[in-house]
Amino acid sequence: MQRFAAIAMLFALACNGGIKADDLLPRLRKDYEDCVYRSARSQGASTSDGIELAFQACQSNEQAIITHLTALGMAQATVEKTLKAFRLRLQKTLR
């Protein structure tokens, strides 16, 4: 069900805003980053556990990125590496 919601969100964004597929990833990434920063700030997250809770709070944003990259034909291993890079960069800025 959550996967369907993410796909529906991507479709709605692409149709409503005239967003090209190439333009969607930066927006999804920014939404994900903003969510993680907001969640971390609201929890006072500066520990590993707190940062992990922030990532968990933003799973729907992360799923939207996964869905988008998969729809573009990116291999699962590459999608995982991309998300790992996003998370690592966010962890560094949150500490």
N, C-alpha and C. Protein backbone atom coordinates (compact mmCIF):
# COMPACT_ATOMS: atom_id res chain seq x y z
N MET A 1 0.82 -1.19 0.00
CA MET A 1 0.00 0.00 0.00
C MET A 1 0.86 1.26 0.00
N GLN A 2 1.93 1.25 0.83
CA GLN A 2 2.80 2.42 0.90
C GLN A 2 3.50 2.63 -0.44
N ARG A 3 3.87 1.53 -1.10
CA ARG A 3 4.53 1.63 -2.40
C ARG A 3 3.59 2.26 -3.42
N PHE A 4 2.30 1.87 -3.38
CA PHE A 4 1.32 2.44 -4.27
C PHE A 4 1.19 3.94 -4.04
N ALA A 5 1.19 4.34 -2.78
CA ALA A 5 1.07 5.76 -2.44
C ALA A 5 2.26 6.54 -2.99
N ALA A 6 3.46 5.95 -2.90
CA ALA A 6 4.65 6.63 -3.42
C ALA A 6 4.57 6.76 -4.94
N ILE A 7 4.12 5.72 -5.60
CA ILE A 7 3.98 5.76 -7.06
C ILE A 7 2.94 6.80 -7.46
N ALA A 8 1.83 6.81 -6.73
CA ALA A 8 0.78 7.80 -7.02
C ALA A 8 1.29 9.22 -6.82
N MET A 9 2.11 9.43 -5.77
CA MET A 9 2.67 10.75 -5.52
C MET A 9 3.60 11.18 -6.66
N LEU A 10 4.44 10.26 -7.11
CA LEU A 10 5.34 10.58 -8.21
C LEU A 10 4.56 10.92 -9.48
N PHE A 11 3.53 10.15 -9.75
CA PHE A 11 2.72 10.40 -10.93
C PHE A 11 2.04 11.76 -10.84
N ALA A 12 1.49 12.06 -9.68
CA ALA A 12 0.81 13.34 -9.48
C ALA A 12 1.79 14.51 -9.64
N LEU A 13 2.97 14.39 -9.07
CA LEU A 13 3.97 15.44 -9.21
C LEU A 13 4.36 15.64 -10.67
N ALA A 14 4.56 14.55 -11.37
CA ALA A 14 4.99 14.65 -12.76
C ALA A 14 3.90 15.25 -13.64
N CYS A 15 2.65 14.90 -13.38
CA CYS A 15 1.54 15.39 -14.20
C CYS A 15 1.15 16.82 -13.85
N ASN A 16 1.04 17.11 -12.58
CA ASN A 16 0.53 18.41 -12.15
C ASN A 16 1.50 19.55 -12.39
N GLY A 17 2.76 19.32 -12.17
CA GLY A 17 3.71 20.42 -12.28
C GLY A 17 4.44 20.46 -13.60
N GLY A 18 4.14 19.55 -14.49
CA GLY A 18 4.87 19.49 -15.74
C GLY A 18 6.34 19.17 -15.49
N ILE A 19 6.60 18.42 -14.43
CA ILE A 19 7.97 18.11 -14.05
C ILE A 19 8.49 16.99 -14.93
N LYS A 20 9.66 17.19 -15.47
CA LYS A 20 10.30 16.14 -16.24
C LYS A 20 10.95 15.16 -15.27
N ALA A 21 11.11 13.92 -15.73
CA ALA A 21 11.71 12.88 -14.88
C ALA A 21 13.08 13.33 -14.37
N ASP A 22 13.85 14.03 -15.22
CA ASP A 22 15.18 14.48 -14.83
C ASP A 22 15.13 15.53 -13.73
N ASP A 23 14.04 16.26 -13.65
CA ASP A 23 13.89 17.31 -12.65
C ASP A 23 13.31 16.79 -11.34
N LEU A 24 12.77 15.58 -11.35
CA LEU A 24 12.08 15.07 -10.18
C LEU A 24 13.03 14.63 -9.07
N LEU A 25 14.14 14.01 -9.41
CA LEU A 25 15.04 13.50 -8.38
C LEU A 25 15.56 14.61 -7.46
N PRO A 26 16.01 15.74 -7.97
CA PRO A 26 16.46 16.79 -7.05
C PRO A 26 15.36 17.24 -6.09
N ARG A 27 14.14 17.31 -6.58
CA ARG A 27 13.02 17.71 -5.71
C ARG A 27 12.76 16.64 -4.65
N LEU A 28 12.76 15.37 -5.06
CA LEU A 28 12.55 14.28 -4.11
C LEU A 28 13.66 14.24 -3.06
N ARG A 29 14.88 14.46 -3.52
CA ARG A 29 16.03 14.46 -2.61
C ARG A 29 15.91 15.61 -1.60
N LYS A 30 15.53 16.78 -2.08
CA LYS A 30 15.37 17.93 -1.18
C LYS A 30 14.26 17.68 -0.17
N ASP A 31 13.15 17.11 -0.63
CA ASP A 31 12.06 16.79 0.29
C ASP A 31 12.53 15.80 1.36
N TYR A 32 13.31 14.82 0.95
CA TYR A 32 13.85 13.82 1.88
C TYR A 32 14.79 14.48 2.88
N GLU A 33 15.70 15.31 2.39
CA GLU A 33 16.64 16.00 3.27
C GLU A 33 15.90 16.90 4.26
N ASP A 34 14.93 17.66 3.76
CA ASP A 34 14.16 18.55 4.64
C ASP A 34 13.44 17.76 5.72
N CYS A 35 12.88 16.62 5.34
CA CYS A 35 12.18 15.77 6.30
C CYS A 35 13.15 15.27 7.38
N VAL A 36 14.32 14.80 6.97
CA VAL A 36 15.30 14.29 7.93
C VAL A 36 15.76 15.40 8.85
N TYR A 37 16.06 16.58 8.30
CA TYR A 37 16.51 17.70 9.13
C TYR A 37 15.42 18.10 10.14
N ARG A 38 14.17 18.21 9.67
CA ARG A 38 13.06 18.58 10.57
C ARG A 38 12.90 17.55 11.68
N SER A 39 12.91 16.28 11.29
CA SER A 39 12.74 15.22 12.27
C SER A 39 13.88 15.19 13.27
N ALA A 40 15.09 15.35 12.79
CA ALA A 40 16.26 15.34 13.69
C ALA A 40 16.20 16.53 14.65
N ARG A 41 15.82 17.69 14.13
CA ARG A 41 15.74 18.89 14.95
C ARG A 41 14.66 18.73 16.03
N SER A 42 13.51 18.17 15.64
CA SER A 42 12.42 18.04 16.61
C SER A 42 12.74 17.02 17.69
N GLN A 43 13.64 16.07 17.38
CA GLN A 43 14.03 15.06 18.36
C GLN A 43 15.32 15.42 19.07
N GLY A 44 15.95 16.48 18.66
CA GLY A 44 17.25 16.83 19.22
C GLY A 44 18.28 15.77 18.89
N ALA A 45 18.19 15.25 17.70
CA ALA A 45 19.02 14.10 17.31
C ALA A 45 20.44 14.51 16.98
N SER A 46 21.35 14.11 17.82
CA SER A 46 22.77 14.28 17.51
C SER A 46 23.50 12.97 17.74
N THR A 47 22.79 11.98 18.25
CA THR A 47 23.37 10.66 18.46
C THR A 47 23.01 9.77 17.28
N SER A 48 23.68 8.65 17.17
CA SER A 48 23.39 7.71 16.09
C SER A 48 21.95 7.22 16.16
N ASP A 49 21.48 6.94 17.37
CA ASP A 49 20.10 6.48 17.53
C ASP A 49 19.10 7.56 17.10
N GLY A 50 19.36 8.78 17.48
CA GLY A 50 18.48 9.88 17.11
C GLY A 50 18.44 10.11 15.62
N ILE A 51 19.59 10.01 14.99
CA ILE A 51 19.67 10.19 13.54
C ILE A 51 18.92 9.05 12.84
N GLU A 52 19.07 7.84 13.35
CA GLU A 52 18.36 6.70 12.77
C GLU A 52 16.85 6.88 12.90
N LEU A 53 16.40 7.42 14.01
CA LEU A 53 14.97 7.71 14.18
C LEU A 53 14.49 8.74 13.16
N ALA A 54 15.33 9.71 12.86
CA ALA A 54 14.98 10.71 11.84
C ALA A 54 14.83 10.05 10.48
N PHE A 55 15.72 9.13 10.15
CA PHE A 55 15.61 8.42 8.87
C PHE A 55 14.34 7.58 8.84
N GLN A 56 14.01 6.93 9.94
CA GLN A 56 12.80 6.12 10.00
C GLN A 56 11.55 6.97 9.83
N ALA A 57 11.58 8.18 10.38
CA ALA A 57 10.44 9.08 10.26
C ALA A 57 10.20 9.52 8.82
N CYS A 58 11.21 9.40 7.99
CA CYS A 58 11.13 9.89 6.60
C CYS A 58 11.14 8.75 5.59
N GLN A 59 10.68 7.59 5.99
CA GLN A 59 10.70 6.43 5.10
C GLN A 59 9.85 6.63 3.85
N SER A 60 8.75 7.35 3.96
CA SER A 60 7.92 7.55 2.77
C SER A 60 8.65 8.40 1.74
N ASN A 61 9.44 9.38 2.21
CA ASN A 61 10.24 10.19 1.28
C ASN A 61 11.32 9.33 0.62
N GLU A 62 11.93 8.47 1.41
CA GLU A 62 12.95 7.58 0.88
C GLU A 62 12.34 6.62 -0.14
N GLN A 63 11.15 6.12 0.16
CA GLN A 63 10.47 5.20 -0.76
C GLN A 63 10.15 5.90 -2.08
N ALA A 64 9.81 7.17 -2.04
CA ALA A 64 9.54 7.91 -3.27
C ALA A 64 10.79 7.97 -4.15
N ILE A 65 11.95 8.14 -3.54
CA ILE A 65 13.21 8.15 -4.29
C ILE A 65 13.46 6.78 -4.90
N ILE A 66 13.26 5.73 -4.11
CA ILE A 66 13.46 4.37 -4.60
C ILE A 66 12.55 4.09 -5.79
N THR A 67 11.29 4.46 -5.65
CA THR A 67 10.31 4.24 -6.72
C THR A 67 10.72 4.99 -7.99
N HIS A 68 11.14 6.23 -7.83
CA HIS A 68 11.53 7.04 -8.98
C HIS A 68 12.74 6.45 -9.69
N LEU A 69 13.77 6.12 -8.93
CA LEU A 69 14.99 5.58 -9.54
C LEU A 69 14.73 4.22 -10.20
N THR A 70 13.89 3.42 -9.59
CA THR A 70 13.54 2.13 -10.17
C THR A 70 12.76 2.32 -11.46
N ALA A 71 11.83 3.29 -11.47
CA ALA A 71 11.05 3.57 -12.67
C ALA A 71 11.93 4.06 -13.81
N LEU A 72 13.03 4.71 -13.47
CA LEU A 72 13.97 5.17 -14.50
C LEU A 72 14.85 4.04 -15.01
N GLY A 73 14.72 2.85 -14.40
CA GLY A 73 15.48 1.70 -14.85
C GLY A 73 16.80 1.48 -14.14
N MET A 74 17.00 2.17 -13.02
CA MET A 74 18.25 2.01 -12.28
C MET A 74 18.26 0.65 -11.58
N ALA A 75 19.38 -0.02 -11.62
CA ALA A 75 19.53 -1.31 -10.97
C ALA A 75 19.38 -1.17 -9.46
N GLN A 76 18.84 -2.20 -8.82
CA GLN A 76 18.59 -2.16 -7.38
C GLN A 76 19.88 -1.86 -6.59
N ALA A 77 20.99 -2.45 -7.00
CA ALA A 77 22.25 -2.21 -6.29
C ALA A 77 22.65 -0.74 -6.39
N THR A 78 22.42 -0.13 -7.53
CA THR A 78 22.74 1.28 -7.73
C THR A 78 21.81 2.17 -6.90
N VAL A 79 20.54 1.79 -6.84
CA VAL A 79 19.58 2.53 -6.02
C VAL A 79 20.04 2.51 -4.56
N GLU A 80 20.43 1.33 -4.09
CA GLU A 80 20.88 1.20 -2.70
C GLU A 80 22.14 2.03 -2.44
N LYS A 81 23.07 2.05 -3.39
CA LYS A 81 24.29 2.86 -3.24
C LYS A 81 23.94 4.34 -3.21
N THR A 82 23.00 4.74 -4.03
CA THR A 82 22.58 6.14 -4.09
C THR A 82 21.97 6.57 -2.75
N LEU A 83 21.09 5.74 -2.22
CA LEU A 83 20.47 6.06 -0.93
C LEU A 83 21.49 6.06 0.19
N LYS A 84 22.42 5.14 0.13
CA LYS A 84 23.47 5.09 1.15
C LYS A 84 24.29 6.39 1.13
N ALA A 85 24.58 6.88 -0.07
CA ALA A 85 25.32 8.13 -0.21
C ALA A 85 24.51 9.31 0.35
N PHE A 86 23.19 9.35 0.04
CA PHE A 86 22.33 10.40 0.58
C PHE A 86 22.37 10.38 2.10
N ARG A 87 22.18 9.19 2.68
CA ARG A 87 22.14 9.04 4.13
C ARG A 87 23.47 9.41 4.78
N LEU A 88 24.55 8.98 4.18
CA LEU A 88 25.87 9.27 4.74
C LEU A 88 26.14 10.77 4.78
N ARG A 89 25.79 11.45 3.71
CA ARG A 89 25.97 12.90 3.67
C ARG A 89 25.11 13.59 4.72
N LEU A 90 23.88 13.12 4.88
CA LEU A 90 22.99 13.69 5.89
C LEU A 90 23.52 13.42 7.30
N GLN A 91 24.03 12.23 7.54
CA GLN A 91 24.59 11.90 8.85
C GLN A 91 25.73 12.84 9.20
N LYS A 92 26.59 13.11 8.23
CA LYS A 92 27.73 14.00 8.47
C LYS A 92 27.28 15.41 8.83
N THR A 93 26.22 15.89 8.18
CA THR A 93 25.77 17.25 8.47
C THR A 93 25.00 17.34 9.77
N LEU A 94 24.45 16.21 10.23
CA LEU A 94 23.67 16.22 11.48
C LEU A 94 24.55 16.09 12.72
N ARG A 95 25.76 15.65 12.57
CA ARG A 95 26.64 15.44 13.75
C ARG A 95 27.37 16.69 14.12
